[in-house]
Amino acid sequence: MVMAGAASEPLAQAFVKFCVEAGALKFGEFKTKAGRLSPYFFNAGLFDDGTKLGRLAEFYARALLESGTAFDMIFGPAYKGIPLGAAVAIELARLGRNVPFAYNRKEAKDHGEGGTLVGAPLKGRVLIVDDVMSAGTAARESIALIRAAGATPSAVAIALDRQEKATEVGPDGTIRDVDHSAVQYVQQQLGLQVCSIARLDDLLQYLSAQAGNDVAAHRERVLAYRSRYGVN
């Protein structure tokens, strides 16, 4: 089993606080792709100005350096992974770790340089940077693209590990829960390291420390969701 890289507890707590204050982590009732009603929702698209994106990149870079995740370059899968990967590459360079960066297009370009890949050539150990991991589908697509280029997919960096059961479509077309999360699938079945800045457990710890604040009222609903859909 390939273990996940883990950010330190202070870094994870600071990240959750930042997400709430930036409005990227919201509480209420949100329908997930799996059809579940989640009491919280994380949207990295709401890191929507230079200050927020720069701070987000700082958290990614610090988590990667703390965890010791091994990689030679960064790959940002279209679409959210493109600005994330670029910002993380810039922040790592600022911290003294300058690595190449590449991304892909959804549609192949038939003029100019052509193809679907942009940036540095894919080679060595490649780190995939994305926001969250719901089913592992995007990771599998990136892995196939990286291997087709002759490089080695070695790790995935995500902002938040929801620590919940993944789903799969059965022979009859119905969606059912499985006993592992998307992160565990990528680790155990695909053999990649996964570095997350924070996990659902960190969110629960943050909510526990907010006694007297409005967000503290959401803890019981998040805990109930964890009890129903969570994985160890």
Foldseek 3Di string as FASTA:
>chain_A
DAEAQEADLVLQLVLLVLCVVLVQKDADWDQDPLRDTARIHGHPVSCPDDVSLLVLLLLLLNSCVNRVQDAQAEEQEPDQRPSSRVSVQVNNVVVPRHHWYKYFAPDWDPDDVTGTIDTDQQAEEYEYEDAEFAALPSVVVVQVVSVVSVHHHAEYEYAEYAQFFHWDQDPVRHIDTDQGGSQVCCCPVVPHHYGYSYYLVSVLVSLVVPPPDPSVVCNVVNVVVCVVTHHD
